C-alpha cells in the first residue's frame, strides 16, 4: 500500500513539473527552427551568444551618455534613446532594459506596444498625459496626468502612449521587463508596412475612404 502511494505521489509530482514547464520568452519577433544544424544560416539564437566569462570586463556592464537629450525635431516631437542588449551587452539574459524619452512641448510618443515587456515609466521633468487600452472586447482606456516624480505602469503587449501637455520640454525614464522588449508603433506598422497592406483591407478595417488610406500609406 505504501509503495503504491509513493508511486502515485511521484507520478503527480512528475505531471505537475511538466505542466509548470515552459519555453523561454521570445527575445525577437520570431526564431525559426532549423531542421539541418549544419545550415550556414544558423547565426541567430533567442537572445545573444554569450561572451567567454574570462574575457568579460566592467565595460560590458556600462553605458554612458543617457544624460544627453534626444533630438525631438521630428513629426511626433519625441525621441526614444534605448538602453537594451544591443547597446549594453551586459543585459543579455537579465530580462531588463530601459529607455530615456524626450518630449518637445506638446510632443508625443505615439500609440505603440511592447510585445515582450511590461513598461514602468517615471517622469523626470515636465507633465505627461499617458494611457493604455485593454484588449478586446472591452478596449477600456486608462489615462493619467503625470508630473515630475510620478510613476505609471503599462502592462505587457497593450497599446499605450505618452503626450507632453506642457509648454516646456519633458523627460521620462522607462524601465522594461525584457532585454529586448520590442516596439510596434501602430500607425507605422499599419500604414507603413513593407510591402504595403492592400488598401482594401485597411479601408474596411478602419472604415475610411480609400483615398484617405492611400494618403496615410504615403505619409508613413
N, C-alpha and C. Protein backbone atom coordinates (compact mmCIF):
# COMPACT_ATOMS: atom_id res chain seq x y z
N UNK A 1 0.83 -1.20 0.00
CA UNK A 1 0.00 0.00 0.00
C UNK A 1 0.88 1.26 0.00
N UNK A 2 1.88 1.26 0.89
CA UNK A 2 2.79 2.41 0.99
C UNK A 2 3.54 2.62 -0.32
N UNK A 3 3.94 1.49 -0.95
CA UNK A 3 4.67 1.58 -2.21
C UNK A 3 3.79 2.20 -3.30
N UNK A 4 2.51 1.77 -3.36
CA UNK A 4 1.58 2.31 -4.35
C UNK A 4 1.36 3.80 -4.13
N UNK A 5 1.28 4.21 -2.84
CA UNK A 5 1.10 5.63 -2.50
C UNK A 5 2.28 6.46 -2.99
N UNK A 6 3.50 5.95 -2.74
CA UNK A 6 4.69 6.68 -3.16
C UNK A 6 4.77 6.79 -4.68
N UNK A 7 4.37 5.73 -5.38
CA UNK A 7 4.37 5.77 -6.84
C UNK A 7 3.38 6.81 -7.34
N UNK A 8 2.20 6.85 -6.70
CA UNK A 8 1.18 7.84 -7.10
C UNK A 8 1.67 9.25 -6.89
N UNK A 9 2.30 9.50 -5.74
CA UNK A 9 2.83 10.84 -5.45
C UNK A 9 3.90 11.22 -6.46
N UNK A 10 4.76 10.26 -6.78
CA UNK A 10 5.83 10.52 -7.74
C UNK A 10 5.27 10.87 -9.11
N UNK A 11 4.23 10.15 -9.53
CA UNK A 11 3.61 10.43 -10.84
C UNK A 11 2.97 11.81 -10.87
N UNK A 12 2.29 12.19 -9.77
CA UNK A 12 1.68 13.51 -9.71
C UNK A 12 2.75 14.60 -9.74
N UNK A 13 3.83 14.39 -9.01
CA UNK A 13 4.92 15.37 -9.00
C UNK A 13 5.51 15.54 -10.38
N UNK A 14 5.69 14.43 -11.09
CA UNK A 14 6.22 14.48 -12.45
C UNK A 14 5.27 15.22 -13.39
N UNK A 15 3.97 14.94 -13.24
CA UNK A 15 2.97 15.60 -14.09
C UNK A 15 2.94 17.10 -13.86
N UNK A 16 3.01 17.49 -12.57
CA UNK A 16 2.98 18.92 -12.26
C UNK A 16 4.24 19.63 -12.75
N UNK A 17 5.36 18.95 -12.71
CA UNK A 17 6.61 19.55 -13.19
C UNK A 17 6.52 19.80 -14.69
N UNK A 18 5.87 18.90 -15.42
CA UNK A 18 5.70 19.11 -16.85
C UNK A 18 4.72 20.24 -17.13
N UNK A 19 3.66 20.33 -16.32
CA UNK A 19 2.64 21.35 -16.53
C UNK A 19 3.18 22.74 -16.28
N UNK A 20 4.13 22.85 -15.32
CA UNK A 20 4.65 24.18 -14.98
C UNK A 20 5.82 24.59 -15.86
N UNK A 21 6.36 23.65 -16.64
CA UNK A 21 7.49 23.97 -17.51
C UNK A 21 7.01 24.80 -18.69
N UNK A 22 7.89 25.66 -19.21
CA UNK A 22 7.53 26.47 -20.37
C UNK A 22 8.78 26.83 -21.14
N UNK A 23 8.58 27.23 -22.39
CA UNK A 23 9.69 27.69 -23.21
C UNK A 23 10.14 29.06 -22.74
N UNK A 24 11.39 29.43 -22.98
CA UNK A 24 11.83 30.78 -22.63
C UNK A 24 11.08 31.81 -23.46
N UNK A 25 10.85 33.00 -22.88
CA UNK A 25 10.14 34.05 -23.60
C UNK A 25 10.93 34.48 -24.82
N UNK A 26 10.26 34.75 -25.95
CA UNK A 26 10.98 35.18 -27.16
C UNK A 26 11.63 36.54 -26.96
N UNK A 27 12.82 36.70 -27.54
CA UNK A 27 13.56 37.94 -27.42
C UNK A 27 13.70 38.66 -28.75
N UNK A 28 13.01 38.17 -29.77
CA UNK A 28 12.87 38.88 -31.03
C UNK A 28 11.52 38.49 -31.62
N UNK A 29 11.16 39.03 -32.78
CA UNK A 29 9.83 38.79 -33.33
C UNK A 29 9.58 37.33 -33.63
N UNK A 30 10.59 36.59 -34.09
CA UNK A 30 10.44 35.16 -34.34
C UNK A 30 11.79 34.49 -34.31
N UNK A 31 11.80 33.18 -34.11
CA UNK A 31 13.03 32.40 -34.07
C UNK A 31 12.73 31.08 -34.75
N UNK A 32 12.93 31.03 -36.08
CA UNK A 32 12.57 29.86 -36.88
C UNK A 32 13.55 28.73 -36.62
N UNK A 33 13.02 27.54 -36.30
CA UNK A 33 13.87 26.38 -36.00
C UNK A 33 14.49 25.83 -37.28
N UNK A 34 15.74 25.40 -37.18
CA UNK A 34 16.44 24.81 -38.30
C UNK A 34 16.36 23.28 -38.24
N UNK A 35 16.02 22.67 -39.35
CA UNK A 35 15.98 21.21 -39.41
C UNK A 35 17.38 20.64 -39.59
N UNK A 36 18.21 21.40 -40.29
CA UNK A 36 19.58 20.96 -40.56
C UNK A 36 20.53 21.86 -39.79
N UNK A 37 21.17 21.33 -38.74
CA UNK A 37 22.03 22.14 -37.88
C UNK A 37 23.34 22.52 -38.56
N UNK A 38 23.60 21.95 -39.73
CA UNK A 38 24.81 22.35 -40.46
C UNK A 38 24.53 23.54 -41.36
N UNK A 39 23.27 23.98 -41.38
CA UNK A 39 22.87 25.12 -42.20
C UNK A 39 23.70 26.34 -41.82
N UNK A 40 24.34 26.99 -42.79
CA UNK A 40 25.21 28.14 -42.53
C UNK A 40 24.44 29.38 -42.09
N UNK A 41 23.09 29.34 -42.23
CA UNK A 41 22.31 30.50 -41.81
C UNK A 41 22.01 30.45 -40.31
N UNK A 42 22.54 29.44 -39.61
CA UNK A 42 22.28 29.30 -38.17
C UNK A 42 23.11 30.30 -37.37
N UNK A 43 22.74 31.56 -37.46
CA UNK A 43 23.51 32.60 -36.78
C UNK A 43 22.71 33.31 -35.69
N UNK A 44 21.40 33.05 -35.60
CA UNK A 44 20.59 33.72 -34.61
C UNK A 44 20.14 32.74 -33.52
N UNK A 45 20.11 33.23 -32.30
CA UNK A 45 19.58 32.47 -31.18
C UNK A 45 18.53 33.33 -30.50
N UNK A 46 17.81 32.74 -29.54
CA UNK A 46 16.80 33.52 -28.82
C UNK A 46 17.50 34.39 -27.77
N UNK A 47 18.09 35.47 -28.25
CA UNK A 47 18.92 36.32 -27.42
C UNK A 47 20.24 36.55 -28.12
N UNK A 48 21.31 36.60 -27.40
CA UNK A 48 22.64 36.80 -27.96
C UNK A 48 23.57 35.67 -27.52
N UNK A 49 24.57 35.36 -28.35
CA UNK A 49 25.59 34.42 -27.92
C UNK A 49 26.37 35.02 -26.75
N UNK A 50 26.80 34.19 -25.84
CA UNK A 50 27.47 34.68 -24.64
C UNK A 50 28.98 34.81 -24.82
N UNK A 51 29.52 35.87 -24.28
CA UNK A 51 30.96 36.10 -24.28
C UNK A 51 31.62 35.19 -23.24
N UNK A 52 32.82 34.76 -23.52
CA UNK A 52 33.58 33.96 -22.57
C UNK A 52 33.70 34.75 -21.25
N UNK A 53 33.20 34.21 -20.13
CA UNK A 53 33.24 34.93 -18.85
C UNK A 53 34.63 35.42 -18.47
N UNK A 54 35.66 34.71 -18.90
CA UNK A 54 37.03 35.10 -18.57
C UNK A 54 37.45 36.39 -19.29
N UNK A 55 36.72 36.73 -20.36
CA UNK A 55 37.05 37.91 -21.15
C UNK A 55 36.16 39.10 -20.81
N UNK A 56 35.20 38.90 -19.92
CA UNK A 56 34.26 39.97 -19.55
C UNK A 56 34.96 41.02 -18.69
N UNK A 57 34.63 42.29 -18.95
CA UNK A 57 35.16 43.41 -18.17
C UNK A 57 34.02 44.27 -17.66
N UNK A 58 34.32 45.22 -16.81
CA UNK A 58 33.30 46.13 -16.27
C UNK A 58 32.63 46.93 -17.38
N UNK A 59 33.36 47.21 -18.47
CA UNK A 59 32.79 47.98 -19.57
C UNK A 59 31.62 47.26 -20.24
N UNK A 60 31.55 45.94 -20.10
CA UNK A 60 30.43 45.19 -20.69
C UNK A 60 29.12 45.49 -19.98
N UNK A 61 29.20 46.07 -18.78
CA UNK A 61 28.02 46.39 -17.99
C UNK A 61 27.80 47.90 -17.85
N UNK A 62 28.47 48.66 -18.70
CA UNK A 62 28.50 50.12 -18.54
C UNK A 62 28.11 50.82 -19.84
N UNK A 63 27.34 51.89 -19.70
CA UNK A 63 26.97 52.73 -20.85
C UNK A 63 26.88 54.17 -20.39
N UNK A 64 27.52 55.07 -21.09
CA UNK A 64 27.48 56.50 -20.76
C UNK A 64 26.60 57.24 -21.77
N UNK A 65 26.18 58.44 -21.40
CA UNK A 65 25.51 59.31 -22.36
C UNK A 65 24.02 59.45 -22.21
N UNK A 66 23.41 58.80 -21.21
CA UNK A 66 21.96 58.89 -21.10
C UNK A 66 21.53 60.27 -20.61
N UNK A 67 22.49 61.09 -20.21
CA UNK A 67 22.19 62.47 -19.81
C UNK A 67 22.02 63.40 -21.01
N UNK A 68 22.37 62.91 -22.19
CA UNK A 68 22.30 63.73 -23.40
C UNK A 68 20.88 63.72 -23.98
N UNK A 69 20.25 64.87 -24.15
CA UNK A 69 18.88 64.92 -24.68
C UNK A 69 18.79 64.35 -26.10
N UNK A 70 17.70 63.67 -26.39
CA UNK A 70 17.48 63.16 -27.74
C UNK A 70 16.92 64.24 -28.64
N UNK A 71 17.08 64.06 -29.94
CA UNK A 71 16.60 65.03 -30.93
C UNK A 71 15.10 64.87 -31.14
N UNK A 72 14.33 65.88 -30.75
CA UNK A 72 12.87 65.81 -30.86
C UNK A 72 12.33 66.58 -32.08
N UNK A 73 13.24 66.98 -32.96
CA UNK A 73 12.80 67.72 -34.15
C UNK A 73 12.32 66.72 -35.21
N UNK A 74 11.13 66.20 -35.03
CA UNK A 74 10.52 65.25 -35.95
C UNK A 74 9.01 65.42 -35.93
N UNK A 75 8.29 64.62 -36.69
CA UNK A 75 6.85 64.79 -36.84
C UNK A 75 6.08 64.61 -35.54
N UNK A 76 6.56 63.76 -34.64
CA UNK A 76 5.82 63.49 -33.42
C UNK A 76 6.35 64.28 -32.22
N UNK A 77 7.54 64.87 -32.37
CA UNK A 77 8.08 65.69 -31.29
C UNK A 77 8.60 64.92 -30.10
N UNK A 78 9.14 63.73 -30.34
CA UNK A 78 9.72 62.95 -29.25
C UNK A 78 10.90 62.14 -29.75
N UNK A 79 11.69 61.63 -28.81
CA UNK A 79 12.83 60.80 -29.17
C UNK A 79 13.03 59.75 -28.07
N UNK A 80 13.22 58.51 -28.48
CA UNK A 80 13.44 57.42 -27.53
C UNK A 80 14.89 56.95 -27.65
N UNK A 81 15.64 57.03 -26.55
CA UNK A 81 17.01 56.53 -26.50
C UNK A 81 16.99 55.21 -25.74
N UNK A 82 17.16 54.11 -26.46
CA UNK A 82 17.06 52.78 -25.86
C UNK A 82 18.36 52.34 -25.20
N UNK A 83 18.23 51.70 -24.06
CA UNK A 83 19.35 51.03 -23.41
C UNK A 83 18.93 49.57 -23.28
N UNK A 84 19.20 48.81 -24.34
CA UNK A 84 18.83 47.40 -24.36
C UNK A 84 20.07 46.55 -24.64
N UNK A 85 19.87 45.29 -24.89
CA UNK A 85 21.01 44.39 -25.05
C UNK A 85 21.89 44.76 -26.25
N UNK A 86 21.33 45.49 -27.20
CA UNK A 86 22.12 45.90 -28.37
C UNK A 86 23.10 47.02 -28.04
N UNK A 87 22.78 47.82 -27.03
CA UNK A 87 23.66 48.94 -26.65
C UNK A 87 24.42 48.68 -25.35
N UNK A 88 23.93 47.74 -24.55
CA UNK A 88 24.58 47.38 -23.29
C UNK A 88 24.63 45.86 -23.18
N UNK A 89 25.70 45.24 -23.70
CA UNK A 89 25.79 43.78 -23.80
C UNK A 89 25.58 43.03 -22.49
N UNK A 90 25.92 43.67 -21.36
CA UNK A 90 25.76 43.01 -20.08
C UNK A 90 24.33 42.69 -19.71
N UNK A 91 23.36 43.25 -20.44
CA UNK A 91 21.95 42.98 -20.17
C UNK A 91 21.52 41.60 -20.68
N UNK A 92 22.33 40.97 -21.50
CA UNK A 92 21.94 39.68 -22.08
C UNK A 92 21.55 38.68 -20.99
N UNK A 93 20.38 38.10 -21.12
CA UNK A 93 19.76 37.09 -20.24
C UNK A 93 19.24 37.65 -18.93
N UNK A 94 19.38 38.96 -18.67
CA UNK A 94 18.95 39.52 -17.39
C UNK A 94 17.48 39.94 -17.37
N UNK A 95 16.86 40.05 -18.54
CA UNK A 95 15.43 40.31 -18.60
C UNK A 95 15.00 41.72 -18.27
N UNK A 96 15.90 42.71 -18.42
CA UNK A 96 15.54 44.09 -18.16
C UNK A 96 16.20 45.01 -19.20
N UNK A 97 15.62 46.19 -19.37
CA UNK A 97 16.21 47.24 -20.20
C UNK A 97 15.53 48.55 -19.80
N UNK A 98 15.99 49.64 -20.38
CA UNK A 98 15.34 50.92 -20.09
C UNK A 98 15.48 51.86 -21.28
N UNK A 99 14.83 52.99 -21.19
CA UNK A 99 14.91 53.99 -22.26
C UNK A 99 14.72 55.38 -21.67
N UNK A 100 15.37 56.35 -22.30
CA UNK A 100 15.13 57.75 -22.00
C UNK A 100 14.21 58.28 -23.09
N UNK A 101 13.14 58.97 -22.69
CA UNK A 101 12.20 59.52 -23.66
C UNK A 101 12.18 61.04 -23.50
N UNK A 102 12.52 61.74 -24.57
CA UNK A 102 12.50 63.20 -24.58
C UNK A 102 11.29 63.69 -25.37
N UNK A 103 10.64 64.72 -24.84
CA UNK A 103 9.46 65.28 -25.49
C UNK A 103 9.64 66.78 -25.70
N UNK A 104 9.38 67.23 -26.92
CA UNK A 104 9.26 68.67 -27.16
C UNK A 104 7.91 69.11 -26.60
N UNK A 105 7.70 70.42 -26.41
CA UNK A 105 6.37 70.87 -25.97
C UNK A 105 5.28 70.33 -26.88
N UNK A 106 4.30 69.68 -26.30
CA UNK A 106 3.15 69.07 -27.00
C UNK A 106 3.56 67.89 -27.90
N UNK A 107 4.78 67.41 -27.73
CA UNK A 107 5.20 66.23 -28.46
C UNK A 107 4.60 64.97 -27.85
N UNK A 108 4.65 63.88 -28.58
CA UNK A 108 4.07 62.64 -28.08
C UNK A 108 4.90 61.43 -28.49
N UNK A 109 4.79 60.38 -27.68
CA UNK A 109 5.28 59.06 -28.04
C UNK A 109 4.03 58.32 -28.50
N UNK A 110 3.82 58.18 -29.83
CA UNK A 110 2.54 57.74 -30.38
C UNK A 110 2.11 56.37 -29.87
N UNK A 111 0.82 56.03 -30.04
CA UNK A 111 0.32 54.72 -29.61
C UNK A 111 1.19 53.59 -30.16
N UNK A 112 1.63 52.73 -29.24
CA UNK A 112 2.53 51.62 -29.60
C UNK A 112 2.39 50.50 -28.58
N UNK A 113 3.01 49.39 -28.84
CA UNK A 113 3.03 48.28 -27.89
C UNK A 113 4.45 47.76 -27.76
N UNK A 114 4.71 47.09 -26.65
CA UNK A 114 5.95 46.34 -26.45
C UNK A 114 5.56 44.86 -26.36
N UNK A 115 5.76 44.09 -27.42
CA UNK A 115 5.27 42.71 -27.43
C UNK A 115 5.94 41.80 -26.41
N UNK A 116 7.10 42.21 -25.89
CA UNK A 116 7.82 41.31 -25.00
C UNK A 116 8.13 41.92 -23.63
N UNK A 117 7.46 43.01 -23.26
CA UNK A 117 7.81 43.60 -21.97
C UNK A 117 6.76 44.52 -21.38
N UNK A 118 6.62 44.46 -20.06
CA UNK A 118 5.85 45.44 -19.31
C UNK A 118 6.73 46.67 -19.13
N UNK A 119 6.11 47.85 -19.12
CA UNK A 119 6.86 49.10 -19.00
C UNK A 119 6.45 49.86 -17.74
N UNK A 120 7.44 50.37 -17.02
CA UNK A 120 7.18 51.26 -15.89
C UNK A 120 7.89 52.58 -16.18
N UNK A 121 7.15 53.67 -16.10
CA UNK A 121 7.66 54.97 -16.54
C UNK A 121 7.65 55.95 -15.38
N UNK A 122 8.74 56.71 -15.24
CA UNK A 122 8.81 57.76 -14.24
C UNK A 122 9.14 59.08 -14.93
N UNK A 123 8.42 60.13 -14.57
CA UNK A 123 8.63 61.46 -15.17
C UNK A 123 9.74 62.18 -14.40
N UNK A 124 10.75 62.62 -15.14
CA UNK A 124 11.85 63.38 -14.53
C UNK A 124 11.63 64.88 -14.62
N UNK A 125 11.05 65.32 -15.73
CA UNK A 125 10.77 66.74 -15.95
C UNK A 125 9.50 66.88 -16.76
N UNK A 126 8.69 67.90 -16.45
CA UNK A 126 7.52 68.19 -17.25
C UNK A 126 6.26 67.49 -16.80
N UNK A 127 5.25 67.58 -17.65
CA UNK A 127 3.94 66.99 -17.38
C UNK A 127 3.49 66.15 -18.57
N UNK A 128 3.20 64.89 -18.32
CA UNK A 128 2.79 63.97 -19.38
C UNK A 128 1.37 63.47 -19.15
N UNK A 129 0.62 63.38 -20.23
CA UNK A 129 -0.68 62.71 -20.22
C UNK A 129 -0.45 61.33 -20.83
N UNK A 130 -0.73 60.28 -20.08
CA UNK A 130 -0.41 58.92 -20.53
C UNK A 130 -1.65 58.04 -20.45
N UNK A 131 -1.59 56.92 -21.18
CA UNK A 131 -2.71 56.00 -21.11
C UNK A 131 -2.45 54.70 -21.83
N UNK A 132 -3.28 53.70 -21.54
CA UNK A 132 -3.23 52.43 -22.28
C UNK A 132 -4.65 51.90 -22.45
N UNK A 133 -4.79 51.01 -23.45
CA UNK A 133 -6.10 50.44 -23.79
C UNK A 133 -6.05 48.94 -23.56
N UNK A 134 -7.07 48.41 -22.88
CA UNK A 134 -7.11 46.97 -22.63
C UNK A 134 -7.47 46.22 -23.91
N UNK A 135 -7.31 44.91 -23.88
CA UNK A 135 -7.55 44.07 -25.05
C UNK A 135 -9.04 43.94 -25.36
N UNK A 136 -9.34 43.36 -26.52
CA UNK A 136 -10.73 43.13 -26.92
C UNK A 136 -11.40 42.22 -25.88
N UNK A 137 -12.68 42.38 -25.62
CA UNK A 137 -13.58 43.25 -26.34
C UNK A 137 -13.89 44.54 -25.58
N UNK A 138 -13.35 44.68 -24.39
CA UNK A 138 -13.65 45.87 -23.60
C UNK A 138 -13.00 47.13 -24.18
N UNK A 139 -11.72 47.01 -24.60
CA UNK A 139 -10.97 48.15 -25.10
C UNK A 139 -11.11 49.36 -24.16
N UNK A 140 -10.95 49.09 -22.88
CA UNK A 140 -11.10 50.13 -21.87
C UNK A 140 -9.86 51.00 -21.81
N UNK A 141 -10.05 52.31 -21.76
CA UNK A 141 -8.95 53.26 -21.74
C UNK A 141 -8.67 53.72 -20.32
N UNK A 142 -7.40 53.58 -19.89
CA UNK A 142 -6.95 54.10 -18.60
C UNK A 142 -5.98 55.25 -18.87
N UNK A 143 -6.24 56.42 -18.29
CA UNK A 143 -5.37 57.57 -18.52
C UNK A 143 -5.02 58.24 -17.19
N UNK A 144 -3.91 59.00 -17.22
CA UNK A 144 -3.48 59.72 -16.03
C UNK A 144 -2.57 60.86 -16.46
N UNK A 145 -2.66 62.00 -15.78
CA UNK A 145 -1.73 63.10 -15.98
C UNK A 145 -0.62 62.97 -14.94
N UNK A 146 0.62 62.89 -15.44
CA UNK A 146 1.78 62.68 -14.56
C UNK A 146 2.64 63.92 -14.48
N UNK A 147 3.10 64.20 -13.29
CA UNK A 147 4.03 65.30 -13.06
C UNK A 147 5.38 64.76 -12.60
N UNK A 148 6.34 65.62 -12.42
CA UNK A 148 7.69 65.22 -12.03
C UNK A 148 7.65 64.30 -10.81
N UNK A 149 8.29 63.13 -10.95
CA UNK A 149 8.33 62.17 -9.85
C UNK A 149 7.23 61.14 -9.87
N UNK A 150 6.23 61.31 -10.72
CA UNK A 150 5.13 60.35 -10.80
C UNK A 150 5.52 59.12 -11.62
N UNK A 151 4.89 58.00 -11.29
CA UNK A 151 5.20 56.71 -11.93
C UNK A 151 3.92 56.10 -12.48
N UNK A 152 4.03 55.43 -13.63
CA UNK A 152 2.87 54.76 -14.24
C UNK A 152 3.34 53.47 -14.91
N UNK A 153 2.48 52.46 -14.89
CA UNK A 153 2.82 51.16 -15.47
C UNK A 153 1.94 50.86 -16.67
N UNK A 154 2.56 50.33 -17.74
CA UNK A 154 1.85 49.89 -18.94
C UNK A 154 2.02 48.37 -19.05
N UNK A 155 0.93 47.61 -18.91
CA UNK A 155 1.03 46.15 -18.96
C UNK A 155 1.55 45.64 -20.32
N UNK A 156 2.23 44.52 -20.28
CA UNK A 156 2.87 43.95 -21.47
C UNK A 156 1.87 43.77 -22.62
N UNK A 157 2.29 44.21 -23.80
CA UNK A 157 1.54 43.97 -25.02
C UNK A 157 0.39 44.92 -25.30
N UNK A 158 0.01 45.77 -24.34
CA UNK A 158 -1.14 46.65 -24.55
C UNK A 158 -0.73 47.95 -25.22
N UNK A 159 -1.63 48.48 -26.05
CA UNK A 159 -1.37 49.75 -26.74
C UNK A 159 -1.35 50.88 -25.71
N UNK A 160 -0.31 51.72 -25.78
CA UNK A 160 -0.20 52.82 -24.84
C UNK A 160 0.47 54.02 -25.50
N UNK A 161 0.47 55.15 -24.81
CA UNK A 161 1.01 56.39 -25.38
C UNK A 161 1.40 57.34 -24.26
N UNK A 162 2.20 58.35 -24.62
CA UNK A 162 2.53 59.45 -23.71
C UNK A 162 2.52 60.75 -24.51
N UNK A 163 1.95 61.79 -23.93
CA UNK A 163 1.87 63.10 -24.59
C UNK A 163 2.34 64.18 -23.61
N UNK A 164 3.23 65.05 -24.08
CA UNK A 164 3.67 66.20 -23.28
C UNK A 164 2.59 67.28 -23.38
N UNK A 165 1.92 67.53 -22.28
CA UNK A 165 0.85 68.53 -22.28
C UNK A 165 1.33 69.87 -21.74
N UNK A 166 2.64 69.98 -21.52
CA UNK A 166 3.19 71.22 -21.00
C UNK A 166 3.81 72.08 -22.08
N UNK A 167 4.16 73.29 -21.72
CA UNK A 167 4.76 74.25 -22.65
C UNK A 167 6.28 74.17 -22.67
N UNK A 168 6.84 73.28 -21.87
CA UNK A 168 8.29 73.10 -21.82
C UNK A 168 8.64 71.66 -22.17
N UNK A 169 9.92 71.40 -22.37
CA UNK A 169 10.36 70.03 -22.66
C UNK A 169 10.05 69.10 -21.48
N UNK A 170 9.86 67.84 -21.79
CA UNK A 170 9.62 66.83 -20.76
C UNK A 170 10.59 65.67 -20.96
N UNK A 171 10.93 65.02 -19.85
CA UNK A 171 11.84 63.88 -19.89
C UNK A 171 11.26 62.76 -19.02
N UNK A 172 11.34 61.53 -19.51
CA UNK A 172 10.90 60.38 -18.73
C UNK A 172 11.90 59.24 -18.89
N UNK A 173 11.98 58.41 -17.88
CA UNK A 173 12.77 57.19 -17.95
C UNK A 173 11.81 56.01 -17.88
N UNK A 174 12.01 55.06 -18.79
CA UNK A 174 11.12 53.91 -18.88
C UNK A 174 11.90 52.63 -18.63
N UNK A 175 11.43 51.81 -17.68
CA UNK A 175 12.03 50.51 -17.43
C UNK A 175 11.18 49.43 -18.07
N UNK A 176 11.82 48.40 -18.64
CA UNK A 176 11.10 47.34 -19.35
C UNK A 176 11.55 45.97 -18.87
N UNK A 177 10.60 45.05 -18.81
CA UNK A 177 10.88 43.72 -18.25
C UNK A 177 11.39 42.75 -19.31
N UNK A 178 12.25 43.21 -20.18
CA UNK A 178 12.86 42.37 -21.19
C UNK A 178 14.15 43.03 -21.65
N UNK A 179 15.14 42.24 -22.01
CA UNK A 179 16.37 42.82 -22.54
C UNK A 179 16.16 43.36 -23.94
N UNK A 180 15.06 42.95 -24.59
CA UNK A 180 14.70 43.43 -25.93
C UNK A 180 13.19 43.40 -26.05
N UNK A 181 12.52 44.39 -25.43
CA UNK A 181 11.06 44.39 -25.34
C UNK A 181 10.38 44.57 -26.69
N UNK A 182 11.10 45.17 -27.65
CA UNK A 182 10.49 45.44 -28.95
C UNK A 182 9.50 46.58 -28.87
N UNK A 183 9.21 47.19 -30.00
CA UNK A 183 8.21 48.26 -30.06
C UNK A 183 7.49 48.21 -31.40
N UNK A 184 6.18 48.25 -31.35
CA UNK A 184 5.37 48.31 -32.57
C UNK A 184 4.55 49.58 -32.51
N UNK A 185 4.96 50.58 -33.29
CA UNK A 185 4.19 51.83 -33.37
C UNK A 185 3.02 51.57 -34.31
N UNK A 186 1.81 51.71 -33.81
CA UNK A 186 0.62 51.24 -34.51
C UNK A 186 0.49 51.86 -35.91
N UNK A 187 0.55 53.17 -36.01
CA UNK A 187 0.37 53.83 -37.31
C UNK A 187 1.45 53.41 -38.30
N UNK A 188 2.70 53.34 -37.82
CA UNK A 188 3.79 52.95 -38.71
C UNK A 188 3.62 51.53 -39.21
N UNK A 189 3.21 50.63 -38.31
CA UNK A 189 3.07 49.22 -38.68
C UNK A 189 1.91 49.01 -39.65
N UNK A 190 0.80 49.72 -39.42
CA UNK A 190 -0.40 49.51 -40.23
C UNK A 190 -0.29 50.21 -41.59
N UNK A 191 0.12 51.49 -41.55
CA UNK A 191 0.15 52.26 -42.80
C UNK A 191 1.53 52.33 -43.45
N UNK A 192 2.55 51.88 -42.75
CA UNK A 192 3.89 51.95 -43.31
C UNK A 192 4.55 50.60 -43.47
N UNK A 193 3.76 49.53 -43.54
CA UNK A 193 4.34 48.20 -43.67
C UNK A 193 5.04 48.05 -45.02
N UNK A 194 5.98 47.11 -45.09
CA UNK A 194 6.74 46.88 -46.32
C UNK A 194 6.70 45.39 -46.67
N UNK A 195 5.99 44.99 -47.76
CA UNK A 195 5.23 45.84 -48.68
C UNK A 195 3.93 46.34 -48.03
N UNK A 196 3.28 47.33 -48.66
CA UNK A 196 2.07 47.91 -48.07
C UNK A 196 0.94 46.89 -47.97
N UNK A 197 0.13 47.05 -46.92
CA UNK A 197 -1.09 46.25 -46.81
C UNK A 197 -2.06 46.72 -47.89
N UNK A 198 -2.77 45.79 -48.48
CA UNK A 198 -3.75 46.13 -49.51
C UNK A 198 -4.72 47.20 -48.98
N UNK A 199 -4.86 48.35 -49.67
CA UNK A 199 -5.74 49.42 -49.20
C UNK A 199 -7.17 48.97 -48.95
N UNK A 200 -7.63 47.95 -49.68
CA UNK A 200 -8.99 47.45 -49.47
C UNK A 200 -9.15 46.90 -48.05
N UNK A 201 -8.09 46.27 -47.55
CA UNK A 201 -8.12 45.72 -46.19
C UNK A 201 -8.24 46.85 -45.17
N UNK A 202 -7.42 47.87 -45.34
CA UNK A 202 -7.42 48.98 -44.38
C UNK A 202 -8.67 49.84 -44.50
N UNK A 203 -9.19 49.96 -45.72
CA UNK A 203 -10.43 50.73 -45.92
C UNK A 203 -11.57 50.13 -45.12
N UNK A 204 -11.68 48.81 -45.15
CA UNK A 204 -12.75 48.13 -44.42
C UNK A 204 -12.46 48.09 -42.93
N UNK A 205 -11.20 47.84 -42.57
CA UNK A 205 -10.84 47.72 -41.16
C UNK A 205 -11.04 49.03 -40.39
N UNK A 206 -10.68 50.16 -41.01
CA UNK A 206 -10.76 51.45 -40.33
C UNK A 206 -11.97 52.28 -40.76
N UNK A 207 -12.77 51.71 -41.69
CA UNK A 207 -13.96 52.41 -42.17
C UNK A 207 -13.60 53.80 -42.70
N UNK A 208 -12.56 53.81 -43.56
CA UNK A 208 -12.09 55.05 -44.16
C UNK A 208 -12.25 55.01 -45.66
N UNK A 209 -12.29 56.17 -46.28
CA UNK A 209 -12.28 56.25 -47.73
C UNK A 209 -10.92 55.76 -48.24
N UNK A 210 -10.93 55.07 -49.36
CA UNK A 210 -9.68 54.51 -49.88
C UNK A 210 -8.65 55.61 -50.16
N UNK A 211 -9.10 56.79 -50.56
CA UNK A 211 -8.17 57.90 -50.81
C UNK A 211 -7.43 58.29 -49.53
N UNK A 212 -8.15 58.26 -48.41
CA UNK A 212 -7.54 58.59 -47.13
C UNK A 212 -6.49 57.54 -46.77
N UNK A 213 -6.82 56.26 -46.99
CA UNK A 213 -5.90 55.17 -46.71
C UNK A 213 -4.63 55.32 -47.54
N UNK A 214 -4.78 55.58 -48.82
CA UNK A 214 -3.61 55.73 -49.69
C UNK A 214 -2.76 56.93 -49.29
N UNK A 215 -3.45 58.00 -48.84
CA UNK A 215 -2.71 59.18 -48.36
C UNK A 215 -1.88 58.83 -47.14
N UNK A 216 -2.49 58.10 -46.19
CA UNK A 216 -1.78 57.73 -44.97
C UNK A 216 -0.62 56.79 -45.27
N UNK A 217 -0.80 55.91 -46.23
CA UNK A 217 0.29 55.00 -46.60
C UNK A 217 1.48 55.76 -47.19
N UNK A 218 1.21 56.85 -47.89
CA UNK A 218 2.29 57.67 -48.41
C UNK A 218 3.01 58.43 -47.29
N UNK A 219 2.24 58.81 -46.25
CA UNK A 219 2.81 59.56 -45.14
C UNK A 219 3.73 58.72 -44.28
N UNK A 220 3.41 57.42 -44.19
CA UNK A 220 4.20 56.54 -43.32
C UNK A 220 5.14 55.64 -44.12
